[in-house]
Structure formats: C-alpha cells, structure tokens
Amino acid sequence: MKPMRWGILGAAGIARKNWEAIRLSGNGVVTAVASRDEGRAAAFVEACQAEAPFVQRPAAVGGYAALLAREDVDAVYIPLPTGVRGEWVRRAAAAGKQVLCEKPCAVDARELRGMLEACSTAGVQFMDGVMFQHSRRMDAMRAVLEDTEAFGEIRRVDSAFSFMADPGFEDSNIRGDAALEPMGCLGDLGWYNIRISLWALGWRRPTRVTARCYRWLSGNSGTRVPADASVTLEFEGAITAGFYCSFAAADQQWLQVSGTRAGLRVSDFVLPYDGRKVQFDVVQSQFDVRGCDFRMKPGIRTVEIDEAPTRDPGAQESRMFRSFAEQVQSGQLNREWPRIALETQDTLDACQQSILAGAEQGAS
C-alpha cells in the first residue's frame, strides 16, 4: 500500500518527536507542516529535516486551512493547544482528513462528543495521541493482570506523573494559560494517569471522583489552572485508584497495581527509559517470621519485552502511527479508540469539577 501522507497542524515541540515517529513507522511520510506563520513552519521543517530527513522535503504551509485543502495530505496530526483543538479536528474531518489528536482532546467531554460525531459523520478515523497504549508492554501487562490464579483480584491502582517546571514556566508556557490549556497539569499529565488507571481496571467507570489542587498557575491570563494535584477514583467493589500529577515535583512516571496475590510495578509507564526494550516487575514478596527475626523477603520477577527489532528508540510512538495507518488502510473504522478517548475525557472532567468545587469551598 502507498504510505500514509501526514500533515502536521502546528509547530509544537512534541511534533518534532512525532515527525521522527512517522518517518520510522514504515508506512507514513510527512508531506506538509502548517503554522499561522509560514516562516515558523519553514524553520520547523528545516530543523526536523536536518535531523530526520524524508526523501521528499515536506512543504511549509502558512495557515492550517491551507494545509487541510492540500490533496497530498491523507491524515493530520494535531498538537495544537487544547483551547483551539476542537475547531481544527472538526474542520479536518469536514475536509476528509483522518485525525490523530494530541491530549487532552478537548476542553470538556461535551466538546469531544461533537468532535467525534464530526469524524464519524465524515467517515474518518479519530485517535488520541497516547503513545504508551501502542507499546507491546501493554499486552504483556494485561496477561499478568488477568491471571487471577497468580495475581489475584485488583484492589488498587496508583500512579504518578510529574516534572519540575523551570523558572518562568508560569508566564512563558501555554500550560499556564487558562484560555489555551484550561486543565493545567490535569490535562497535560493527568490524562495519562487516568488512561492507565481505566485501562488497568478493564475500563470500569468510577462511581466517585475526589480531587484536590495544592498549587496553581495563573500565567498571563489571570485565571489560574492546576499545577499540582492529587486524585482518588472509586469504583464498584471497593476498588480504588489514585494518582498524583504535578508541574512542581521531580520527574517521575511510575505505576503500581496492587492485587490480592501479587503486585505489578512500572517505573516508566509513559516514556520508557529505553524504548527499544521495555520492562515491568511482578512483585510477590513474603513476610517471614522466625522467632525474633522478622523479614520481608522480596519476590520480584522482571518481565522484558523487545519492543523494536529495528532498534527504534521511540518505538511506541512509531507503532502508534503505524497502527493508525494500518487501521485506515483496512477500510474499517476503529470504534474503540474514540470510545476510550471519551471515557478518559469524562473522568478528566470529573477531576476538574471536583477541584473547582473544593476551591470554591476553600478546600484547596
């Protein structure tokens, strides 16, 4: 089949990583990059082409609408700010372009439902850009969690995703601007925590969401957004999930699933330290008492997965674009991808609402 021809809407930093992921996907090429400023698009293409070149140099386009009108673009990757993302997803769908959308997908679930309806009506595929969802590690982890004889029943899911923002981040980065990124660290980081929690629990819907924000960003807009938040999700059967996401703590991205017979632990669930060979630990420790000697005996089994036989350091990103292109080329729409995006957004909305309600009551 012919390679999928990708257009990139916006010259965001994360798009540089995904430019290379498209190049390494094996079934995709970038044909055009758009920015509101054509000069910025040209500079982006120049920098990426110097590091990860395509045989045919992608075009630099002034304006997103101009890119959507191009006949040499089959699909668009949209890393635009959340505040404007909905409009361009709908316009891309109307132009007949397949859509891979960065996260959080929308300002709220109501907007996302409209975006998904637009894609469905146009018959184009929608997927959010959660790259770890496409790692081979996920299948191996699922096999462990579903082995009730060895792992038991899941009781708790915990995770953390954070980084320490640089000085000036609040004023210079769009993640401090409520008009562009209204959910702050919840949207930027918490989306991943929510996704892994719902995935681990088989896509159960939480019955109660409690969230608190302890630090805020005001940026230049004067309206604050969460910068440091803790969330608890409650599910039927006395099962809970908790996560911490923050712009104000050291880099961390860990996951812990607690079962009745074992635990599962991942130290790099979002961005693998080595994308070519990923791993996780299955923990079955034993408490041993012998007279005055009390010991916890570690029982740790490390599972390693060869993610990329081609030794691709960003394998999960490449697999994401490869899977998307294969799905489109199959002629069938994948309904699961939009569904899990909406379930993630619904839960994100509940977290945001809980934080705002707590702030109004003076709880945060």
Protein backbone atom coordinates (compact mmCIF):
# COMPACT_ATOMS: atom_id res chain seq x y z
CA MET A 1 0.00 0.00 0.00
CA LYS A 2 1.05 3.60 -0.51
CA PRO A 3 2.46 5.34 2.57
CA MET A 4 0.02 7.48 4.54
CA ARG A 5 0.71 11.14 3.81
CA TRP A 6 0.70 13.17 7.02
CA GLY A 7 0.18 16.86 7.59
CA ILE A 8 1.14 18.42 10.94
CA LEU A 9 -1.02 21.28 12.22
CA GLY A 10 1.27 23.44 14.31
CA ALA A 11 4.98 23.57 15.08
CA ALA A 12 4.77 22.48 18.73
CA GLY A 13 7.81 20.89 20.34
CA ILE A 14 6.13 17.49 20.73
CA ALA A 15 5.59 17.42 16.97
CA ARG A 16 9.35 17.06 16.48
CA LYS A 17 9.31 13.69 18.22
CA ASN A 18 6.35 12.55 16.18
CA TRP A 19 7.89 13.74 12.91
CA GLU A 20 10.58 11.13 13.52
CA ALA A 21 7.99 8.57 14.64
CA ILE A 22 6.18 8.97 11.32
CA ARG A 23 9.49 8.54 9.46
CA LEU A 24 10.25 5.35 11.39
CA SER A 25 6.72 3.95 11.16
CA GLY A 26 7.46 2.28 7.85
CA ASN A 27 4.14 3.27 6.33
CA GLY A 28 3.98 7.05 6.64
CA VAL A 29 5.60 10.24 5.38
CA VAL A 30 5.19 13.88 6.35
CA THR A 31 4.19 15.91 3.31
CA ALA A 32 3.33 19.28 4.90
CA VAL A 33 3.62 21.26 8.14
CA ALA A 34 1.43 24.28 8.84
CA SER A 35 1.79 27.21 11.19
CA ARG A 36 -0.04 30.51 11.35
CA ASP A 37 3.35 31.95 10.38
CA GLU A 38 4.74 30.27 7.26
CA GLY A 39 8.25 31.26 8.34
CA ARG A 40 7.85 29.32 11.58
CA ALA A 41 6.63 26.29 9.63
CA ALA A 42 9.66 26.58 7.34
CA ALA A 43 12.03 26.76 10.32
CA PHE A 44 10.37 23.69 11.84
CA VAL A 45 10.74 21.72 8.60
CA GLU A 46 14.35 22.83 8.24
CA ALA A 47 15.27 21.69 11.75
CA CYS A 48 13.49 18.34 11.53
CA GLN A 49 14.66 17.60 8.01
CA ALA A 50 18.26 18.18 9.10
CA GLU A 51 17.94 15.58 11.86
CA ALA A 52 15.43 13.06 10.46
CA PRO A 53 15.07 13.68 6.72
CA PHE A 54 12.36 12.48 4.38
CA VAL A 55 13.35 11.78 0.78
CA GLN A 56 10.94 14.46 -0.41
CA ARG A 57 11.12 17.62 1.68
CA PRO A 58 7.75 18.39 3.35
CA ALA A 59 6.11 21.66 2.40
CA ALA A 60 5.92 24.58 4.84
CA VAL A 61 2.40 25.99 4.79
CA GLY A 62 1.07 29.30 6.05
CA GLY A 63 -2.24 28.64 7.82
CA TYR A 64 -3.96 25.48 8.99
CA ALA A 65 -6.84 25.78 6.50
CA ALA A 66 -4.36 25.82 3.62
CA LEU A 67 -2.90 22.51 4.81
CA LEU A 68 -6.35 20.92 5.07
CA ALA A 69 -7.02 21.94 1.47
CA ARG A 70 -3.97 20.09 0.15
CA GLU A 71 -4.56 16.94 -1.89
CA ASP A 72 -1.25 15.42 -0.80
CA VAL A 73 -2.40 15.07 2.84
CA ASP A 74 -4.35 11.98 3.91
CA ALA A 75 -4.20 12.41 7.69
CA VAL A 76 -3.38 15.16 10.14
CA TYR A 77 -1.58 15.09 13.45
CA ILE A 78 -2.94 17.92 15.62
CA PRO A 79 -0.72 19.10 18.51
CA LEU A 80 -2.46 22.49 18.76
CA PRO A 81 -3.42 23.86 22.21
CA THR A 82 -6.48 22.27 23.79
CA GLY A 83 -8.41 25.54 23.65
CA VAL A 84 -8.41 25.56 19.82
CA ARG A 85 -8.08 21.84 19.12
CA GLY A 86 -11.80 21.13 18.77
CA GLU A 87 -12.30 23.56 15.91
CA TRP A 88 -9.47 22.08 13.86
CA VAL A 89 -10.47 18.48 14.47
CA ARG A 90 -13.94 19.30 13.15
CA ARG A 91 -12.51 21.17 10.16
CA ALA A 92 -10.09 18.35 9.42
CA ALA A 93 -12.95 15.84 9.47
CA ALA A 94 -15.00 18.05 7.14
CA ALA A 95 -12.02 18.11 4.77
CA GLY A 96 -11.93 14.29 4.78
CA LYS A 97 -8.64 14.01 6.69
CA GLN A 98 -8.01 11.21 9.18
CA VAL A 99 -7.32 12.64 12.66
CA LEU A 100 -4.69 11.83 15.29
CA CYS A 101 -5.24 14.33 18.08
CA GLU A 102 -3.00 15.28 21.00
CA LYS A 103 -4.34 15.16 24.53
CA PRO A 104 -6.34 16.29 26.35
CA CYS A 105 -8.59 16.01 23.33
CA ALA A 106 -10.95 18.85 24.21
CA VAL A 107 -11.85 21.44 26.83
CA ASP A 108 -14.58 19.08 28.06
CA ALA A 109 -16.48 15.91 27.14
CA ARG A 110 -19.30 17.84 25.50
CA GLU A 111 -16.89 19.35 23.00
CA LEU A 112 -15.21 15.99 22.43
CA ARG A 113 -18.56 14.35 21.67
CA GLY A 114 -19.07 16.94 18.93
CA MET A 115 -15.59 16.28 17.56
CA LEU A 116 -16.18 12.52 17.50
CA GLU A 117 -19.55 12.97 15.84
CA ALA A 118 -17.93 15.11 13.14
CA CYS A 119 -15.33 12.40 12.48
CA SER A 120 -17.95 9.63 12.43
CA THR A 121 -20.20 11.57 10.06
CA ALA A 122 -17.27 12.20 7.71
CA GLY A 123 -16.17 8.56 7.93
CA VAL A 124 -12.68 9.42 9.16
CA GLN A 125 -10.70 7.75 11.92
CA PHE A 126 -10.11 9.52 15.24
CA MET A 127 -7.45 8.57 17.77
CA ASP A 128 -5.82 10.41 20.66
CA GLY A 129 -2.06 10.56 20.98
CA VAL A 130 -1.49 8.31 23.99
CA MET A 131 1.61 6.58 22.72
CA PHE A 132 2.05 4.04 25.54
CA GLN A 133 -1.28 2.50 24.52
CA HIS A 134 0.56 1.06 21.48
CA SER A 135 3.51 -0.46 23.32
CA ARG A 136 3.88 -4.25 23.30
CA ARG A 137 4.35 -3.93 27.04
CA MET A 138 0.61 -3.31 27.45
CA ASP A 139 -0.31 -6.77 26.15
CA ALA A 140 2.24 -8.41 28.46
CA MET A 141 0.95 -6.44 31.45
CA ARG A 142 -2.65 -7.33 30.60
CA ALA A 143 -1.75 -11.02 30.59
CA VAL A 144 -0.35 -10.68 34.13
CA LEU A 145 -3.35 -8.74 35.46
CA GLU A 146 -5.82 -11.24 34.01
CA ASP A 147 -4.03 -14.24 35.53
CA THR A 148 -6.23 -14.39 38.63
CA GLU A 149 -4.51 -17.53 39.90
CA ALA A 150 -1.16 -15.75 40.19
CA PHE A 151 -2.13 -12.08 40.53
CA GLY A 152 -5.48 -12.33 42.28
CA GLU A 153 -8.07 -9.57 42.13
CA ILE A 154 -7.05 -5.95 41.65
CA ARG A 155 -7.64 -3.81 44.72
CA ARG A 156 -5.77 -0.59 43.92
CA VAL A 157 -4.05 1.29 41.09
CA ASP A 158 -1.57 4.08 41.90
CA SER A 159 0.47 6.26 39.58
CA ALA A 160 2.42 9.50 39.43
CA PHE A 161 3.48 11.67 36.52
CA SER A 162 5.30 14.90 37.24
CA PHE A 163 8.14 17.22 36.32
CA MET A 164 9.72 20.25 37.96
CA ALA A 165 8.90 23.26 35.80
CA ASP A 166 11.67 25.72 35.01
CA PRO A 167 11.60 29.25 36.42
CA GLY A 168 9.39 31.40 34.22
CA PHE A 169 7.25 28.44 33.14
CA GLU A 170 4.11 30.08 34.53
CA ASP A 171 4.41 33.13 32.29
CA SER A 172 6.11 31.71 29.20
CA ASN A 173 4.49 28.30 28.70
CA ILE A 174 0.97 27.87 27.32
CA ARG A 175 0.27 25.28 30.04
CA GLY A 176 -0.12 28.21 32.43
CA ASP A 177 -2.67 29.92 30.18
CA ALA A 178 -6.26 29.01 31.06
CA ALA A 179 -7.55 30.06 27.64
CA LEU A 180 -5.27 27.57 25.88
CA GLU A 181 -4.80 24.81 28.47
CA PRO A 182 -7.67 25.17 30.96
CA MET A 183 -6.90 21.97 32.90
CA GLY A 184 -3.22 22.62 33.58
CA CYS A 185 -1.35 19.59 34.92
CA LEU A 186 -4.57 17.54 34.98
CA GLY A 187 -4.87 17.72 31.22
CA ASP A 188 -1.20 17.67 30.34
CA LEU A 189 -0.13 14.88 32.72
CA GLY A 190 -3.23 13.52 34.44
CA TRP A 191 -4.67 12.33 31.14
CA TYR A 192 -2.02 9.59 31.19
CA ASN A 193 -2.73 8.69 34.82
CA ILE A 194 -6.44 8.42 34.10
CA ARG A 195 -5.88 6.36 30.97
CA ILE A 196 -3.61 3.81 32.68
CA SER A 197 -5.99 3.55 35.65
CA LEU A 198 -9.06 2.92 33.50
CA TRP A 199 -7.10 0.51 31.31
CA ALA A 200 -5.82 -1.50 34.29
CA LEU A 201 -9.36 -1.83 35.63
CA GLY A 202 -10.84 -3.01 32.34
CA TRP A 203 -12.47 0.33 31.50
CA ARG A 204 -14.75 0.40 34.53
CA ARG A 205 -16.25 3.81 35.15
CA PRO A 206 -15.55 5.44 38.52
CA THR A 207 -18.53 5.90 40.81
CA ARG A 208 -16.91 8.78 42.68
CA VAL A 209 -14.07 11.18 41.93
CA THR A 210 -12.33 13.30 44.55
CA ALA A 211 -9.58 15.69 43.51
CA ARG A 212 -7.62 18.45 45.20
CA CYS A 213 -5.20 21.04 43.85
CA TYR A 214 -2.38 22.30 46.07
CA ARG A 215 -0.57 24.66 43.71
CA TRP A 216 -1.86 26.79 40.87
CA LEU A 217 -0.54 28.64 37.81
CA SER A 218 -2.00 31.98 36.77
CA GLY A 219 0.13 32.80 33.75
CA ASN A 220 -0.69 35.96 31.82
CA SER A 221 -4.42 35.31 31.64
CA GLY A 222 -5.12 36.00 35.30
CA THR A 223 -7.20 32.82 35.51
CA ARG A 224 -5.49 30.02 37.37
CA VAL A 225 -5.05 26.37 36.33
CA PRO A 226 -4.00 23.34 38.41
CA ALA A 227 -0.25 22.86 38.76
CA ASP A 228 -0.09 20.19 41.48
CA ALA A 229 -3.00 17.79 42.04
CA SER A 230 -3.94 14.57 43.81
CA VAL A 231 -6.92 12.45 42.73
CA THR A 232 -8.82 9.44 44.07
CA LEU A 233 -11.12 7.39 41.86
CA GLU A 234 -13.58 4.99 43.49
CA PHE A 235 -15.14 2.01 41.69
CA GLU A 236 -17.74 -0.60 42.49
CA GLY A 237 -16.46 -3.47 44.62
CA ALA A 238 -14.37 -1.28 46.94
CA ILE A 239 -11.69 -0.84 44.26
CA THR A 240 -9.79 2.44 44.16
CA ALA A 241 -7.23 4.25 42.04
CA GLY A 242 -5.14 7.23 42.99
CA PHE A 243 -2.74 9.45 41.14
CA TYR A 244 -0.55 12.49 41.55
CA CYS A 245 0.29 14.84 38.69
CA SER A 246 2.35 17.98 39.02
CA PHE A 247 4.47 20.68 37.43
CA ALA A 248 6.14 21.16 40.83
CA ALA A 249 7.85 17.84 41.63
CA ALA A 250 10.83 15.92 40.29
CA ASP A 251 10.50 13.86 37.10
CA GLN A 252 8.61 10.62 37.79
CA GLN A 253 6.26 8.37 35.84
CA TRP A 254 5.56 5.26 37.87
CA LEU A 255 2.66 2.82 38.07
CA GLN A 256 1.77 0.31 40.81
CA VAL A 257 -1.14 -2.15 40.58
CA SER A 258 -1.94 -4.00 43.81
CA GLY A 259 -3.62 -7.40 43.61
CA THR A 260 -4.62 -9.87 46.29
CA ARG A 261 -1.73 -12.21 45.42
CA ALA A 262 0.85 -10.01 43.70
CA GLY A 263 1.66 -6.52 42.55
CA LEU A 264 2.75 -5.04 39.23
CA ARG A 265 5.23 -2.19 39.12
CA VAL A 266 6.40 0.03 36.24
CA SER A 267 8.94 2.82 36.70
CA ASP A 268 8.46 4.44 33.25
CA PHE A 269 4.89 3.83 32.07
CA VAL A 270 4.62 7.00 29.94
CA LEU A 271 8.01 7.39 28.26
CA PRO A 272 10.19 4.27 28.51
CA TYR A 273 13.76 4.90 29.55
CA ASP A 274 14.80 2.70 26.63
CA GLY A 275 12.04 2.50 24.05
CA ARG A 276 13.71 -0.44 22.33
CA LYS A 277 13.45 -2.83 25.28
CA VAL A 278 10.74 -2.18 27.87
CA GLN A 279 10.08 -3.96 31.14
CA PHE A 280 7.98 -4.18 34.29
CA ASP A 281 8.17 -6.06 37.59
CA VAL A 282 5.79 -8.58 39.09
CA VAL A 283 6.20 -8.44 42.87
CA GLN A 284 5.25 -11.31 45.19
CA SER A 285 7.02 -10.58 48.46
CA GLN A 286 6.64 -12.80 51.55
CA PHE A 287 6.65 -11.86 55.21
CA ASP A 288 8.73 -14.41 57.07
CA VAL A 289 8.76 -14.62 60.88
CA ARG A 290 11.25 -16.85 62.68
CA GLY A 291 11.41 -16.17 66.38
CA CYS A 292 12.84 -12.67 66.80
CA ASP A 293 13.69 -12.44 63.10
CA PHE A 294 11.04 -10.55 61.09
CA ARG A 295 11.84 -10.25 57.39
CA MET A 296 10.09 -9.28 54.21
CA LYS A 297 11.52 -11.50 51.50
CA PRO A 298 11.45 -9.86 48.10
CA GLY A 299 9.99 -11.82 45.23
CA ILE A 300 10.47 -9.80 42.08
CA ARG A 301 10.17 -11.13 38.55
CA THR A 302 11.22 -8.71 35.83
CA VAL A 303 9.45 -9.09 32.50
CA GLU A 304 11.33 -7.71 29.50
CA ILE A 305 9.81 -7.09 26.08
CA ASP A 306 11.77 -6.49 22.89
CA GLU A 307 9.74 -3.54 21.68
CA ALA A 308 11.56 -2.76 18.47
CA PRO A 309 13.53 -5.33 16.48
CA THR A 310 14.66 -2.40 14.32
CA ARG A 311 16.16 -0.78 17.44
CA ASP A 312 13.88 2.25 17.22
CA PRO A 313 14.42 4.37 20.37
CA GLY A 314 10.88 5.76 20.12
CA ALA A 315 9.20 2.51 19.27
CA GLN A 316 5.83 3.12 20.92
CA GLU A 317 5.39 6.38 19.01
CA SER A 318 6.31 4.70 15.71
CA ARG A 319 3.91 1.86 16.50
CA MET A 320 1.16 4.42 17.16
CA PHE A 321 1.49 5.97 13.71
CA ARG A 322 1.95 2.58 12.08
CA SER A 323 -1.18 1.18 13.75
CA PHE A 324 -3.19 4.25 12.78
CA ALA A 325 -2.18 3.98 9.13
CA GLU A 326 -2.89 0.24 9.05
CA GLN A 327 -6.34 0.82 10.53
CA VAL A 328 -7.20 3.46 7.95
CA GLN A 329 -5.86 1.33 5.11
CA SER A 330 -8.04 -1.58 6.29
CA GLY A 331 -11.11 0.41 5.27
CA GLN A 332 -12.72 -0.10 8.70
CA LEU A 333 -13.09 2.48 11.45
CA ASN A 334 -11.78 1.53 14.87
CA ARG A 335 -14.58 2.49 17.28
CA GLU A 336 -12.55 1.60 20.37
CA TRP A 337 -10.11 4.48 20.01
CA PRO A 338 -12.77 7.22 20.13
CA ARG A 339 -14.55 5.40 22.97
CA ILE A 340 -11.55 5.28 25.29
CA ALA A 341 -10.70 8.90 24.50
CA LEU A 342 -14.21 9.92 25.58
CA GLU A 343 -14.07 7.81 28.74
CA THR A 344 -10.75 9.44 29.64
CA GLN A 345 -12.19 12.90 28.98
CA ASP A 346 -15.30 12.16 31.07
CA THR A 347 -13.12 11.21 34.04
CA LEU A 348 -10.85 14.21 33.49
CA ASP A 349 -13.90 16.48 33.59
CA ALA A 350 -14.96 14.92 36.89
CA CYS A 351 -11.48 15.59 38.33
CA GLN A 352 -11.58 19.21 37.20
CA GLN A 353 -15.08 19.71 38.61
CA SER A 354 -14.04 18.25 41.97
CA ILE A 355 -11.04 20.56 42.14
CA LEU A 356 -13.10 23.63 41.30
CA ALA A 357 -15.80 22.67 43.81
CA GLY A 358 -13.14 22.24 46.50
CA ALA A 359 -11.57 25.59 45.64
CA GLU A 360 -14.95 27.33 45.96
CA GLN A 361 -15.38 25.76 49.39
CA GLY A 362 -11.88 26.82 50.45
CA ALA A 363 -10.55 23.24 50.43
CA SER A 364 -7.70 23.95 48.02
